[in-house]
């Protein structure tokens, strides 16, 4: 993140061996060039396992000793480029880094655009992509990929796990809701949220549809409810349930199968909720281990899960020079499309971590509601006379402000001070507006 184009070009010297690797699930291709892009030796195919990884390291060592070079040029440095897409690249990158080799990333979009430069053909194959990647590295078109270690690596895995669990939980809730809409749409008039309360869940497990409810006495229904909750629900709720069951317009076919399906879905939902609680508990523990938890949680509107997820997505914030780099890492840098007299509006590039942007947007939405400083900034952006922003645009600005605040607190090791958030200049502008 700290290198710029000139520095990256300066890092490629006449004694640098450049390796382009096209990563795949099983068979991968590597091609080797010097600092001018001239290929050295033949292309190498190797498998995605330890033996294959040892093969490419052996080839690199042979080339560095001058075995495949006509002029017996010896290479002192190695730069291995690959596209950090999906997850297949991580094991190879981690293996090479552990063997003290430099691994750099190449944007897949750049590879797609540059592959036609050599043969003026849109042909795509792994062997061709490997040499394209190597020559992009030669031109300084690369970046340093980041593999988080220690507690930051733990937080990234936990953050991804939490997102996955939340999505699966939402899908199950939607499926149960769809079944209830078909078989017992009136249940929402008795239980405001059938999937949230213990009493409602117990009913869904044992007698989820009108036919089952009407086949039981009031005492039997109450007995079933008491299995899930001892208090708060009594005979009055039971009578309401029986009354709406009598007037239900739900379908009456496939009842036994639908009942079994709802029971299985609720059991799966409860399992996911336990796993989610366990994940969030571990996230809180790892957040404390970073040493940054207290400072971030001191910002009103940021809770444990949000703080832990932020560090999981960003990694160690101190690896960045400034907050703007983190914003760019998230894909918040502004872009425009202008030519001649025509000029487009600006928008964010979205060339960054999608999950980090989603997290920051959620944090901004929450903080606008409960954080005074962020709410004042939001209202100023949406109501100013000159160039007022739309609500979503203003939330993006607030998201970038959150990054700035967090980075500043962590760098200075200071606690949150509300009076310093907006700054004297911003306050003057807001008052003038």
Protein backbone atom coordinates (compact mmCIF):
# COMPACT_ATOMS: atom_id res chain seq x y z
CA UNK A 1 0.00 0.00 0.00
CA UNK A 2 2.94 2.34 0.58
CA UNK A 3 4.62 1.86 -2.83
CA UNK A 4 3.88 4.10 -5.77
CA UNK A 5 4.53 3.48 -9.48
CA UNK A 6 8.08 4.88 -9.56
CA UNK A 7 9.07 2.95 -6.45
CA UNK A 8 7.65 -0.25 -7.90
CA UNK A 9 9.58 0.28 -11.15
CA UNK A 10 12.78 0.98 -9.24
CA UNK A 11 12.32 -2.29 -7.37
CA UNK A 12 12.62 -4.20 -10.69
CA UNK A 13 16.37 -4.26 -11.50
CA UNK A 14 18.48 -6.12 -14.12
CA UNK A 15 19.12 -8.80 -11.49
CA UNK A 16 15.43 -9.34 -10.74
CA UNK A 17 13.80 -12.55 -11.93
CA UNK A 18 10.11 -12.03 -12.63
CA UNK A 19 7.75 -14.95 -12.35
CA UNK A 20 4.16 -14.82 -13.57
CA UNK A 21 1.85 -17.46 -12.16
CA UNK A 22 -1.69 -18.21 -13.31
CA UNK A 23 -3.35 -19.83 -10.32
CA UNK A 24 -6.01 -22.54 -10.69
CA UNK A 25 -7.62 -25.23 -8.58
CA UNK A 26 -5.44 -28.14 -9.70
CA UNK A 27 -2.91 -27.27 -12.43
CA UNK A 28 -1.07 -23.95 -12.43
CA UNK A 29 1.26 -22.33 -14.96
CA UNK A 30 4.39 -20.26 -14.36
CA UNK A 31 6.53 -18.31 -16.83
CA UNK A 32 9.78 -16.50 -16.21
CA UNK A 33 11.17 -13.24 -17.61
CA UNK A 34 13.96 -10.76 -16.94
CA UNK A 35 13.48 -7.06 -16.20
CA UNK A 36 12.89 -6.34 -19.94
CA UNK A 37 10.13 -8.94 -20.28
CA UNK A 38 12.26 -11.41 -22.26
CA UNK A 39 11.18 -14.93 -21.41
CA UNK A 40 13.69 -17.28 -19.77
CA UNK A 41 13.36 -21.02 -20.24
CA UNK A 42 10.13 -22.86 -20.92
CA UNK A 43 6.76 -22.46 -19.27
CA UNK A 44 6.30 -24.60 -16.18
CA UNK A 45 3.10 -26.38 -15.18
CA UNK A 46 2.81 -27.59 -11.61
CA UNK A 47 0.11 -28.98 -9.37
CA UNK A 48 -1.53 -27.19 -6.49
CA UNK A 49 0.18 -29.24 -3.77
CA UNK A 50 3.46 -29.34 -1.85
CA UNK A 51 5.28 -31.29 -4.57
CA UNK A 52 4.12 -28.76 -7.16
CA UNK A 53 5.20 -25.82 -4.97
CA UNK A 54 8.62 -27.41 -4.50
CA UNK A 55 8.86 -27.76 -8.30
CA UNK A 56 8.47 -24.02 -8.94
CA UNK A 57 10.95 -23.15 -6.17
CA UNK A 58 13.48 -25.56 -7.71
CA UNK A 59 13.00 -23.95 -11.14
CA UNK A 60 13.45 -20.46 -9.64
CA UNK A 61 16.68 -21.55 -7.92
CA UNK A 62 18.00 -23.05 -11.19
CA UNK A 63 17.24 -19.87 -13.16
CA UNK A 64 18.82 -17.69 -10.48
CA UNK A 65 22.03 -19.68 -10.88
CA UNK A 66 22.01 -19.02 -14.65
CA UNK A 67 21.03 -22.48 -15.84
CA UNK A 68 18.44 -21.37 -18.45
CA UNK A 69 19.96 -18.02 -19.44
CA UNK A 70 22.07 -17.79 -22.61
CA UNK A 71 24.30 -15.12 -21.10
CA UNK A 72 24.47 -16.93 -17.75
CA UNK A 73 22.91 -13.97 -15.97
CA UNK A 74 22.49 -14.60 -12.27
CA UNK A 75 19.50 -13.18 -10.50
CA UNK A 76 19.69 -11.90 -6.95
CA UNK A 77 16.03 -10.98 -6.47
CA UNK A 78 12.76 -12.67 -7.34
CA UNK A 79 9.31 -11.10 -7.83
CA UNK A 80 6.46 -13.59 -8.20
CA UNK A 81 3.24 -12.12 -9.55
CA UNK A 82 -0.22 -13.67 -9.40
CA UNK A 83 -3.86 -12.64 -9.47
CA UNK A 84 -5.22 -12.63 -5.89
CA UNK A 85 -8.72 -13.75 -6.83
CA UNK A 86 -10.79 -16.40 -5.11
CA UNK A 87 -8.87 -18.45 -2.55
CA UNK A 88 -6.58 -20.76 -4.54
CA UNK A 89 -3.74 -18.23 -4.60
CA UNK A 90 -3.48 -17.98 -0.81
CA UNK A 91 -1.85 -21.35 -0.15
CA UNK A 92 0.77 -20.81 -2.87
CA UNK A 93 1.45 -17.23 -1.78
CA UNK A 94 1.78 -18.26 1.86
CA UNK A 95 4.16 -21.10 0.93
CA UNK A 96 6.38 -18.82 -1.18
CA UNK A 97 6.43 -16.06 1.45
CA UNK A 98 7.48 -18.60 4.09
CA UNK A 99 10.41 -19.43 1.80
CA UNK A 100 11.51 -15.75 1.81
CA UNK A 101 10.29 -15.04 -1.73
CA UNK A 102 8.56 -11.80 -2.73
CA UNK A 103 4.96 -12.24 -3.85
CA UNK A 104 3.06 -9.42 -5.55
CA UNK A 105 -0.49 -9.15 -6.83
CA UNK A 106 -1.70 -8.17 -10.29
CA UNK A 107 -5.20 -6.85 -10.89
CA UNK A 108 -7.18 -9.44 -12.94
CA UNK A 109 -8.79 -6.58 -14.86
CA UNK A 110 -5.33 -5.46 -16.00
CA UNK A 111 -4.50 -8.98 -17.14
CA UNK A 112 -7.71 -9.14 -19.14
CA UNK A 113 -6.95 -5.86 -20.93
CA UNK A 114 -3.24 -6.51 -21.49
CA UNK A 115 -3.37 -10.08 -22.81
CA UNK A 116 -4.03 -8.91 -26.40
CA UNK A 117 -0.92 -6.70 -26.58
CA UNK A 118 1.44 -9.53 -27.51
CA UNK A 119 -0.51 -11.36 -30.24
CA UNK A 120 -3.47 -9.04 -30.94
CA UNK A 121 -5.78 -11.94 -30.12
CA UNK A 122 -8.48 -12.29 -27.53
CA UNK A 123 -7.45 -15.90 -26.97
CA UNK A 124 -7.39 -16.77 -23.29
CA UNK A 125 -5.50 -19.65 -21.70
CA UNK A 126 -3.66 -20.16 -18.43
CA UNK A 127 -0.28 -20.42 -20.15
CA UNK A 128 -0.78 -17.09 -21.93
CA UNK A 129 -2.09 -15.35 -18.80
CA UNK A 130 1.07 -16.32 -16.90
CA UNK A 131 3.38 -14.39 -19.26
CA UNK A 132 0.98 -11.44 -19.30
CA UNK A 133 1.12 -11.32 -15.50
CA UNK A 134 4.92 -11.44 -15.55
CA UNK A 135 5.16 -8.52 -17.99
CA UNK A 136 2.69 -6.46 -15.96
CA UNK A 137 4.97 -6.94 -12.96
CA UNK A 138 7.90 -5.84 -15.13
CA UNK A 139 6.03 -2.61 -15.90
CA UNK A 140 5.36 -1.94 -12.23
CA UNK A 141 1.65 -2.79 -12.57
CA UNK A 142 1.47 -4.70 -9.33
CA UNK A 143 0.70 -4.26 -5.64
CA UNK A 144 1.66 -5.98 -2.43
CA UNK A 145 -1.06 -8.42 -1.34
CA UNK A 146 -1.80 -8.57 2.35
CA UNK A 147 -2.21 -11.82 4.26
CA UNK A 148 -3.19 -10.89 7.84
CA UNK A 149 -1.35 -12.66 10.61
CA UNK A 150 -2.01 -13.42 14.28
CA UNK A 151 -5.15 -11.79 15.73
CA UNK A 152 -5.87 -9.89 12.50
CA UNK A 153 -5.94 -13.16 10.58
CA UNK A 154 -8.25 -14.61 13.22
CA UNK A 155 -10.55 -11.59 12.98
CA UNK A 156 -10.72 -11.81 9.18
CA UNK A 157 -11.76 -15.45 9.30
CA UNK A 158 -14.25 -14.75 12.09
CA UNK A 159 -15.66 -11.75 10.22
CA UNK A 160 -16.16 -13.81 7.06
CA UNK A 161 -17.70 -16.63 9.11
CA UNK A 162 -20.13 -14.24 10.77
CA UNK A 163 -21.25 -12.82 7.41
CA UNK A 164 -21.77 -16.34 6.08
CA UNK A 165 -23.74 -17.42 9.17
CA UNK A 166 -25.89 -14.27 9.02
CA UNK A 167 -26.71 -14.84 5.35
CA UNK A 168 -27.65 -18.47 5.93
CA UNK A 169 -29.76 -17.47 8.93
CA UNK A 170 -31.60 -14.83 6.87
CA UNK A 171 -32.23 -17.34 4.07
CA UNK A 172 -33.75 -19.81 6.53
CA UNK A 173 -35.97 -17.13 8.07
CA UNK A 174 -37.18 -16.12 4.63
CA UNK A 175 -37.97 -19.75 3.78
CA UNK A 176 -39.96 -20.26 7.00
CA UNK A 177 -41.84 -17.01 6.39
CA UNK A 178 -42.73 -18.17 2.88
CA UNK A 179 -44.10 -21.47 4.23
CA UNK A 180 -46.17 -19.68 6.88
CA UNK A 181 -47.53 -17.26 4.28
CA UNK A 182 -48.78 -20.28 2.39
CA UNK A 183 -50.12 -22.42 5.24
CA UNK A 184 -50.88 -20.00 8.11
CA UNK A 185 -50.64 -16.34 7.02
CA UNK A 186 -52.68 -15.10 10.02
CA UNK A 187 -50.10 -16.21 12.63
CA UNK A 188 -48.51 -12.75 12.49
CA UNK A 189 -51.64 -11.28 14.11
CA UNK A 190 -51.02 -13.43 17.21
CA UNK A 191 -47.25 -13.40 17.34
CA UNK A 192 -45.70 -10.19 16.00
CA UNK A 193 -42.51 -12.01 15.04
CA UNK A 194 -43.09 -15.78 14.96
CA UNK A 195 -39.37 -16.51 14.54
CA UNK A 196 -38.18 -14.41 17.45
CA UNK A 197 -40.24 -15.39 20.50
CA UNK A 198 -39.73 -18.70 22.30
CA UNK A 199 -43.46 -19.34 22.54
CA UNK A 200 -43.98 -18.82 18.82
CA UNK A 201 -41.06 -21.07 17.93
CA UNK A 202 -42.43 -23.82 20.14
CA UNK A 203 -45.78 -23.57 18.38
CA UNK A 204 -44.03 -23.79 14.99
CA UNK A 205 -42.22 -26.94 16.09
CA UNK A 206 -45.24 -28.78 17.44
CA UNK A 207 -48.43 -27.40 15.82
CA UNK A 208 -47.52 -24.82 13.17
CA UNK A 209 -50.72 -24.93 11.07
CA UNK A 210 -54.45 -24.39 11.76
CA UNK A 211 -55.36 -28.08 11.28
CA UNK A 212 -52.97 -29.13 14.06
CA UNK A 213 -54.04 -26.29 16.36
CA UNK A 214 -57.74 -27.06 15.99
CA UNK A 215 -57.14 -30.75 16.69
CA UNK A 216 -55.81 -29.89 20.18
CA UNK A 217 -57.54 -28.55 23.29
CA UNK A 218 -56.65 -25.16 24.75
CA UNK A 219 -54.87 -26.86 27.66
CA UNK A 220 -52.79 -29.02 25.30
CA UNK A 221 -51.73 -25.96 23.29
CA UNK A 222 -50.80 -24.11 26.48
CA UNK A 223 -48.81 -27.13 27.63
CA UNK A 224 -46.84 -27.07 24.37
CA UNK A 225 -46.13 -23.34 24.76
CA UNK A 226 -44.89 -23.90 28.33
CA UNK A 227 -42.20 -26.21 26.95
CA UNK A 228 -40.63 -23.16 25.34
CA UNK A 229 -41.45 -20.41 27.83
CA UNK A 230 -42.64 -20.72 31.42
CA UNK A 231 -44.14 -17.24 31.85
CA UNK A 232 -45.51 -14.26 29.87
CA UNK A 233 -47.80 -16.41 27.70
CA UNK A 234 -51.13 -17.66 29.02
CA UNK A 235 -54.58 -18.85 28.04
CA UNK A 236 -55.47 -15.49 26.47
CA UNK A 237 -52.81 -15.95 23.81
CA UNK A 238 -53.94 -19.53 23.24
CA UNK A 239 -57.54 -18.42 22.60
CA UNK A 240 -56.30 -15.78 20.13
CA UNK A 241 -54.33 -18.45 18.30
CA UNK A 242 -57.33 -20.79 18.11
CA UNK A 243 -59.58 -17.95 16.89
CA UNK A 244 -57.32 -17.02 13.96
CA UNK A 245 -56.77 -20.72 13.15
CA UNK A 246 -60.52 -21.10 12.66
CA UNK A 247 -60.57 -18.17 10.20
CA UNK A 248 -57.34 -19.09 8.39
CA UNK A 249 -57.26 -19.17 4.60
CA UNK A 250 -54.03 -21.16 4.44
CA UNK A 251 -53.75 -24.18 2.16
CA UNK A 252 -54.46 -27.63 3.60
CA UNK A 253 -52.33 -29.95 1.46
CA UNK A 254 -48.90 -31.41 2.22
CA UNK A 255 -49.32 -30.55 5.91
CA UNK A 256 -47.20 -33.34 7.33
CA UNK A 257 -44.26 -32.65 5.02
CA UNK A 258 -44.48 -28.89 5.55
CA UNK A 259 -44.56 -29.41 9.33
CA UNK A 260 -41.42 -31.54 9.18
CA UNK A 261 -39.71 -28.98 6.97
CA UNK A 262 -40.47 -26.11 9.36
CA UNK A 263 -39.20 -28.14 12.32
CA UNK A 264 -35.94 -28.95 10.51
CA UNK A 265 -35.50 -25.31 9.46
CA UNK A 266 -36.04 -24.01 13.00
CA UNK A 267 -33.55 -26.54 14.39
CA UNK A 268 -31.03 -25.40 11.78
CA UNK A 269 -31.78 -21.76 12.61
CA UNK A 270 -31.18 -22.35 16.31
CA UNK A 271 -27.88 -24.08 15.51
CA UNK A 272 -26.79 -21.11 13.38
CA UNK A 273 -27.74 -18.71 16.16
CA UNK A 274 -25.60 -20.62 18.66
CA UNK A 275 -22.71 -20.62 16.21
CA UNK A 276 -23.22 -16.90 15.63
CA UNK A 277 -23.08 -16.20 19.38
CA UNK A 278 -19.91 -18.27 19.67
CA UNK A 279 -18.34 -16.44 16.72
CA UNK A 280 -19.16 -13.00 18.13
CA UNK A 281 -17.82 -13.99 21.54
CA UNK A 282 -14.50 -15.04 19.98
CA UNK A 283 -14.45 -11.82 17.92
CA UNK A 284 -14.67 -9.80 21.13
CA UNK A 285 -11.77 -11.77 22.60
CA UNK A 286 -9.55 -11.26 19.53
CA UNK A 287 -10.49 -7.56 19.39
CA UNK A 288 -9.10 -7.11 22.90
CA UNK A 289 -5.89 -8.90 21.87
CA UNK A 290 -5.23 -6.32 19.14
CA UNK A 291 -4.89 -3.60 21.77
CA UNK A 292 -7.17 -1.30 19.77
CA UNK A 293 -10.53 -2.43 21.12
CA UNK A 294 -10.88 0.14 23.89
CA UNK A 295 -10.05 3.06 21.59
CA UNK A 296 -12.48 2.03 18.84
CA UNK A 297 -15.29 1.11 21.22
CA UNK A 298 -14.95 4.54 22.79
CA UNK A 299 -16.56 5.98 19.65
CA UNK A 300 -20.29 6.25 20.26
CA UNK A 301 -22.20 4.10 17.80
CA UNK A 302 -19.52 1.44 17.22
CA UNK A 303 -20.16 -1.91 18.91
CA UNK A 304 -17.90 -4.91 19.43
CA UNK A 305 -18.88 -6.79 16.27
CA UNK A 306 -18.44 -3.70 14.06
CA UNK A 307 -15.04 -2.87 15.56
CA UNK A 308 -13.82 -6.46 15.24
CA UNK A 309 -15.11 -6.76 11.68
CA UNK A 310 -13.40 -3.49 10.73
CA UNK A 311 -10.01 -4.73 11.95
CA UNK A 312 -10.64 -8.09 10.31
CA UNK A 313 -11.21 -6.44 6.94
CA UNK A 314 -8.46 -3.82 7.21
CA UNK A 315 -5.86 -5.81 9.12
CA UNK A 316 -3.34 -3.81 11.10
CA UNK A 317 -4.36 -0.16 10.44
CA UNK A 318 -0.81 1.03 11.11
CA UNK A 319 0.42 -0.58 7.90
CA UNK A 320 -1.21 2.38 6.11
CA UNK A 321 0.32 5.86 5.95
CA UNK A 322 -2.98 7.70 6.25
CA UNK A 323 -6.75 7.26 6.38
CA UNK A 324 -7.10 8.00 2.65
CA UNK A 325 -5.24 4.79 1.84
CA UNK A 326 -7.74 2.79 3.90
CA UNK A 327 -10.60 4.52 2.05
CA UNK A 328 -8.99 3.58 -1.28
CA UNK A 329 -8.50 0.03 0.02
CA UNK A 330 -12.26 -0.09 0.55
CA UNK A 331 -12.93 1.30 -2.95
CA UNK A 332 -14.06 4.76 -1.85
CA UNK A 333 -11.72 6.71 -4.14
CA UNK A 334 -13.62 9.03 -6.51
CA UNK A 335 -13.53 8.55 -10.29
CA UNK A 336 -14.95 10.45 -13.25
CA UNK A 337 -15.22 9.95 -17.02
CA UNK A 338 -14.30 13.18 -18.82
CA UNK A 339 -13.15 13.95 -22.35
CA UNK A 340 -12.90 17.29 -24.10
CA UNK A 341 -15.86 19.45 -23.18
CA UNK A 342 -17.88 16.58 -21.75
CA UNK A 343 -17.53 15.86 -18.07
CA UNK A 344 -19.30 13.20 -16.05
CA UNK A 345 -20.22 13.29 -12.41
CA UNK A 346 -18.01 11.63 -9.84
CA UNK A 347 -18.68 8.33 -8.13
CA UNK A 348 -16.77 5.89 -5.99
CA UNK A 349 -14.64 3.37 -7.88
CA UNK A 350 -15.74 0.28 -5.89
CA UNK A 351 -12.29 -1.16 -6.70
CA UNK A 352 -11.71 -2.44 -3.21
CA UNK A 353 -13.05 -4.73 -0.50
CA UNK A 354 -16.80 -5.00 -0.99
CA UNK A 355 -17.40 -6.39 2.49
CA UNK A 356 -15.50 -3.49 4.08
CA UNK A 357 -17.68 -0.98 2.22
CA UNK A 358 -20.83 -2.77 3.35
CA UNK A 359 -19.60 -2.76 6.95
CA UNK A 360 -18.72 0.95 6.88
CA UNK A 361 -22.09 1.81 5.32
CA UNK A 362 -23.88 -0.05 8.13
CA UNK A 363 -21.70 1.70 10.72
CA UNK A 364 -22.48 5.09 9.13
CA UNK A 365 -26.21 4.36 9.12
CA UNK A 366 -26.11 3.47 12.82
CA UNK A 367 -23.89 6.37 13.86
CA UNK A 368 -26.03 8.95 12.07
CA UNK A 369 -28.81 7.86 14.41
CA UNK A 370 -26.90 7.85 17.70
CA UNK A 371 -23.66 9.83 17.27
CA UNK A 372 -24.22 13.58 17.52
CA UNK A 373 -21.16 14.59 15.48
CA UNK A 374 -21.88 12.19 12.62
CA UNK A 375 -25.54 13.22 12.60
CA UNK A 376 -24.57 16.90 12.32
CA UNK A 377 -22.22 16.10 9.44
CA UNK A 378 -24.91 14.04 7.68
CA UNK A 379 -27.55 16.76 8.00
CA UNK A 380 -25.10 19.39 6.79
CA UNK A 381 -24.22 17.35 3.69
CA UNK A 382 -27.85 16.68 2.77
CA UNK A 383 -29.24 20.16 3.51
CA UNK A 384 -26.50 22.60 2.46
CA UNK A 385 -27.49 25.11 -0.22
CA UNK A 386 -24.52 24.46 -2.50
CA UNK A 387 -24.22 20.95 -3.91
CA UNK A 388 -26.42 19.09 -1.39
CA UNK A 389 -25.80 15.34 -1.41
CA UNK A 390 -28.33 12.56 -1.66
CA UNK A 391 -28.82 10.45 1.44
CA UNK A 392 -26.70 7.52 0.20
CA UNK A 393 -23.94 9.87 -0.96
CA UNK A 394 -23.89 11.53 2.45
CA UNK A 395 -23.61 8.13 4.14
CA UNK A 396 -20.57 7.36 2.00
CA UNK A 397 -18.94 10.61 3.18
CA UNK A 398 -19.78 9.69 6.77
CA UNK A 399 -18.22 6.25 6.16
CA UNK A 400 -14.97 7.89 5.07
CA UNK A 401 -15.15 10.15 8.12
CA UNK A 402 -15.43 7.07 10.34
CA UNK A 403 -12.24 5.71 8.78
CA UNK A 404 -10.47 9.01 9.46
CA UNK A 405 -11.60 9.10 13.09
CA UNK A 406 -10.61 5.48 13.78
CA UNK A 407 -7.22 5.83 12.10
CA UNK A 408 -6.45 9.08 13.91
CA UNK A 409 -7.32 7.61 17.33
CA UNK A 410 -5.24 4.48 16.76
CA UNK A 411 -2.24 6.36 15.40
CA UNK A 412 -2.20 8.91 18.21
CA UNK A 413 -3.31 6.39 20.84
CA UNK A 414 -5.94 8.81 22.07
CA UNK A 415 -9.50 8.32 23.28
CA UNK A 416 -12.49 9.67 21.37
CA UNK A 417 -13.13 13.39 21.89
CA UNK A 418 -16.44 14.56 20.34
CA UNK A 419 -15.36 18.21 20.11
CA UNK A 420 -12.44 17.30 17.79
CA UNK A 421 -14.36 15.13 15.31
CA UNK A 422 -15.56 17.83 12.91
CA UNK A 423 -12.66 20.24 13.34
CA UNK A 424 -12.68 24.03 13.48
CA UNK A 425 -12.80 24.55 9.70
CA UNK A 426 -15.67 22.13 9.17
CA UNK A 427 -17.64 23.72 12.01
CA UNK A 428 -17.20 27.19 10.47
CA UNK A 429 -18.43 25.93 7.10
CA UNK A 430 -21.43 24.26 8.73
CA UNK A 431 -22.32 27.40 10.68
CA UNK A 432 -21.99 29.55 7.55
CA UNK A 433 -24.31 27.24 5.65
